[in-house]
């Protein structure tokens, strides 16, 4: 079920109510700073529940340092500066 924009999945709990789902949403939101996308509530063998969540991705603009400038994109650059950026040696990123 979806409560306040968060999808709440109950595993092993067939009679969960919307009020219980809202309580889990409030519980998780009170403990994390990122926006919550989904919450999973799983009934464990000992009668307790395991609560896990996934966060919603945040959009961001990539900022690069190119030839002494910080920029998000090259749209405002003139042809000479774009050519300079194009000719730069680009390094691979290794994990």
C-alpha atoms as a PDB file:
ATOM      1  CA  UNK A   1       0.000   0.000   0.000  1.00  0.00           C
ATOM      2  CA  UNK A   2       1.088   3.602  -0.527  1.00  0.00           C
ATOM      3  CA  UNK A   3       0.992   6.002   2.420  1.00  0.00           C
ATOM      4  CA  UNK A   4       2.004   9.648   2.034  1.00  0.00           C
ATOM      5  CA  UNK A   5       3.985   8.897  -1.138  1.00  0.00           C
ATOM      6  CA  UNK A   6       5.832   5.921   0.380  1.00  0.00           C
ATOM      7  CA  UNK A   7       5.206   2.343  -0.748  1.00  0.00           C
ATOM      8  CA  UNK A   8       4.928   0.111   2.328  1.00  0.00           C
ATOM      9  CA  UNK A   9       5.380  -3.653   1.817  1.00  0.00           C
ATOM     10  CA  UNK A  10       4.378  -6.081   4.554  1.00  0.00           C
ATOM     11  CA  UNK A  11       6.037  -9.500   4.380  1.00  0.00           C
ATOM     12  CA  UNK A  12       4.444 -12.252   6.453  1.00  0.00           C
ATOM     13  CA  UNK A  13       1.810  -9.851   7.803  1.00  0.00           C
ATOM     14  CA  UNK A  14      -1.515 -10.303   6.028  1.00  0.00           C
ATOM     15  CA  UNK A  15      -3.741  -8.160   8.234  1.00  0.00           C
ATOM     16  CA  UNK A  16      -1.734  -4.907   8.340  1.00  0.00           C
ATOM     17  CA  UNK A  17      -3.820  -1.757   8.384  1.00  0.00           C
ATOM     18  CA  UNK A  18      -3.285   1.607   6.736  1.00  0.00           C
ATOM     19  CA  UNK A  19      -2.797   3.117  10.204  1.00  0.00           C
ATOM     20  CA  UNK A  20       0.042   0.668  10.929  1.00  0.00           C
ATOM     21  CA  UNK A  21       1.644   1.542   7.590  1.00  0.00           C
ATOM     22  CA  UNK A  22       1.400   5.258   8.425  1.00  0.00           C
ATOM     23  CA  UNK A  23       3.060   4.561  11.785  1.00  0.00           C
ATOM     24  CA  UNK A  24       5.983   2.814  10.063  1.00  0.00           C
ATOM     25  CA  UNK A  25       6.332   5.719   7.623  1.00  0.00           C
ATOM     26  CA  UNK A  26       6.460   8.176  10.529  1.00  0.00           C
ATOM     27  CA  UNK A  27       8.910   5.906  12.391  1.00  0.00           C
ATOM     28  CA  UNK A  28      11.377   5.700   9.483  1.00  0.00           C
ATOM     29  CA  UNK A  29      11.066   9.381   8.542  1.00  0.00           C
ATOM     30  CA  UNK A  30      11.814  10.317  12.137  1.00  0.00           C
ATOM     31  CA  UNK A  31      15.123   8.457  12.018  1.00  0.00           C
ATOM     32  CA  UNK A  32      16.547   9.251   8.564  1.00  0.00           C
ATOM     33  CA  UNK A  33      17.274  12.496   6.771  1.00  0.00           C
ATOM     34  CA  UNK A  34      16.903  11.362   3.151  1.00  0.00           C
ATOM     35  CA  UNK A  35      13.526  11.098   1.387  1.00  0.00           C
ATOM     36  CA  UNK A  36      12.030   7.614   1.817  1.00  0.00           C
ATOM     37  CA  UNK A  37      10.835   5.720  -1.295  1.00  0.00           C
ATOM     38  CA  UNK A  38       9.820   2.310   0.060  1.00  0.00           C
ATOM     39  CA  UNK A  39       9.564   0.592   3.431  1.00  0.00           C
ATOM     40  CA  UNK A  40       9.575  -3.155   3.959  1.00  0.00           C
ATOM     41  CA  UNK A  41       8.197  -4.597   7.196  1.00  0.00           C
ATOM     42  CA  UNK A  42       8.986  -8.292   7.628  1.00  0.00           C
ATOM     43  CA  UNK A  43       7.686 -10.490  10.432  1.00  0.00           C
ATOM     44  CA  UNK A  44      10.550 -12.465  12.001  1.00  0.00           C
ATOM     45  CA  UNK A  45      10.348 -15.909  13.589  1.00  0.00           C
ATOM     46  CA  UNK A  46      10.702 -14.441  17.096  1.00  0.00           C
ATOM     47  CA  UNK A  47       7.613 -12.234  16.649  1.00  0.00           C
ATOM     48  CA  UNK A  48       9.593  -9.024  16.114  1.00  0.00           C
ATOM     49  CA  UNK A  49       9.605  -7.118  12.845  1.00  0.00           C
ATOM     50  CA  UNK A  50      12.515  -6.185  10.589  1.00  0.00           C
ATOM     51  CA  UNK A  51      12.022  -2.714   9.104  1.00  0.00           C
ATOM     52  CA  UNK A  52      14.129  -1.675   6.107  1.00  0.00           C
ATOM     53  CA  UNK A  53      13.803   1.187   3.655  1.00  0.00           C
ATOM     54  CA  UNK A  54      15.139   2.535   0.381  1.00  0.00           C
ATOM     55  CA  UNK A  55      15.803   6.186  -0.213  1.00  0.00           C
ATOM     56  CA  UNK A  56      14.612   8.216  -3.159  1.00  0.00           C
ATOM     57  CA  UNK A  57      17.396   9.426  -5.434  1.00  0.00           C
ATOM     58  CA  UNK A  58      18.200  13.113  -5.513  1.00  0.00           C
ATOM     59  CA  UNK A  59      18.777  14.968  -8.773  1.00  0.00           C
ATOM     60  CA  UNK A  60      22.034  16.858  -8.936  1.00  0.00           C
ATOM     61  CA  UNK A  61      24.025  18.789 -11.462  1.00  0.00           C
ATOM     62  CA  UNK A  62      27.514  17.579 -12.197  1.00  0.00           C
ATOM     63  CA  UNK A  63      30.119  20.253 -11.473  1.00  0.00           C
ATOM     64  CA  UNK A  64      33.534  19.915 -13.085  1.00  0.00           C
ATOM     65  CA  UNK A  65      36.712  21.935 -12.784  1.00  0.00           C
ATOM     66  CA  UNK A  66      37.874  22.620 -16.322  1.00  0.00           C
ATOM     67  CA  UNK A  67      40.824  24.866 -17.112  1.00  0.00           C
ATOM     68  CA  UNK A  68      40.405  26.784 -13.876  1.00  0.00           C
ATOM     69  CA  UNK A  69      36.605  27.165 -14.019  1.00  0.00           C
ATOM     70  CA  UNK A  70      33.836  25.384 -12.138  1.00  0.00           C
ATOM     71  CA  UNK A  71      31.021  24.531 -14.504  1.00  0.00           C
ATOM     72  CA  UNK A  72      28.015  22.259 -14.772  1.00  0.00           C
ATOM     73  CA  UNK A  73      27.897  22.209 -18.563  1.00  0.00           C
ATOM     74  CA  UNK A  74      29.616  23.812 -21.522  1.00  0.00           C
ATOM     75  CA  UNK A  75      26.596  25.543 -23.095  1.00  0.00           C
ATOM     76  CA  UNK A  76      27.751  29.036 -22.153  1.00  0.00           C
ATOM     77  CA  UNK A  77      31.323  28.510 -23.366  1.00  0.00           C
ATOM     78  CA  UNK A  78      32.634  29.951 -26.633  1.00  0.00           C
ATOM     79  CA  UNK A  79      34.071  27.724 -29.378  1.00  0.00           C
ATOM     80  CA  UNK A  80      37.695  28.280 -28.347  1.00  0.00           C
ATOM     81  CA  UNK A  81      37.046  27.229 -24.745  1.00  0.00           C
ATOM     82  CA  UNK A  82      34.991  24.212 -25.894  1.00  0.00           C
ATOM     83  CA  UNK A  83      37.860  23.189 -28.175  1.00  0.00           C
ATOM     84  CA  UNK A  84      40.301  23.510 -25.270  1.00  0.00           C
ATOM     85  CA  UNK A  85      38.105  21.233 -23.150  1.00  0.00           C
ATOM     86  CA  UNK A  86      37.753  18.739 -26.015  1.00  0.00           C
ATOM     87  CA  UNK A  87      41.541  18.472 -26.410  1.00  0.00           C
ATOM     88  CA  UNK A  88      42.189  17.800 -22.710  1.00  0.00           C
ATOM     89  CA  UNK A  89      43.452  14.385 -21.620  1.00  0.00           C
ATOM     90  CA  UNK A  90      40.618  12.570 -19.895  1.00  0.00           C
ATOM     91  CA  UNK A  91      41.526   9.976 -17.250  1.00  0.00           C
ATOM     92  CA  UNK A  92      39.607   6.811 -16.460  1.00  0.00           C
ATOM     93  CA  UNK A  93      38.146   6.263 -12.997  1.00  0.00           C
ATOM     94  CA  UNK A  94      39.028   2.984 -11.348  1.00  0.00           C
ATOM     95  CA  UNK A  95      37.139   1.486  -8.411  1.00  0.00           C
END
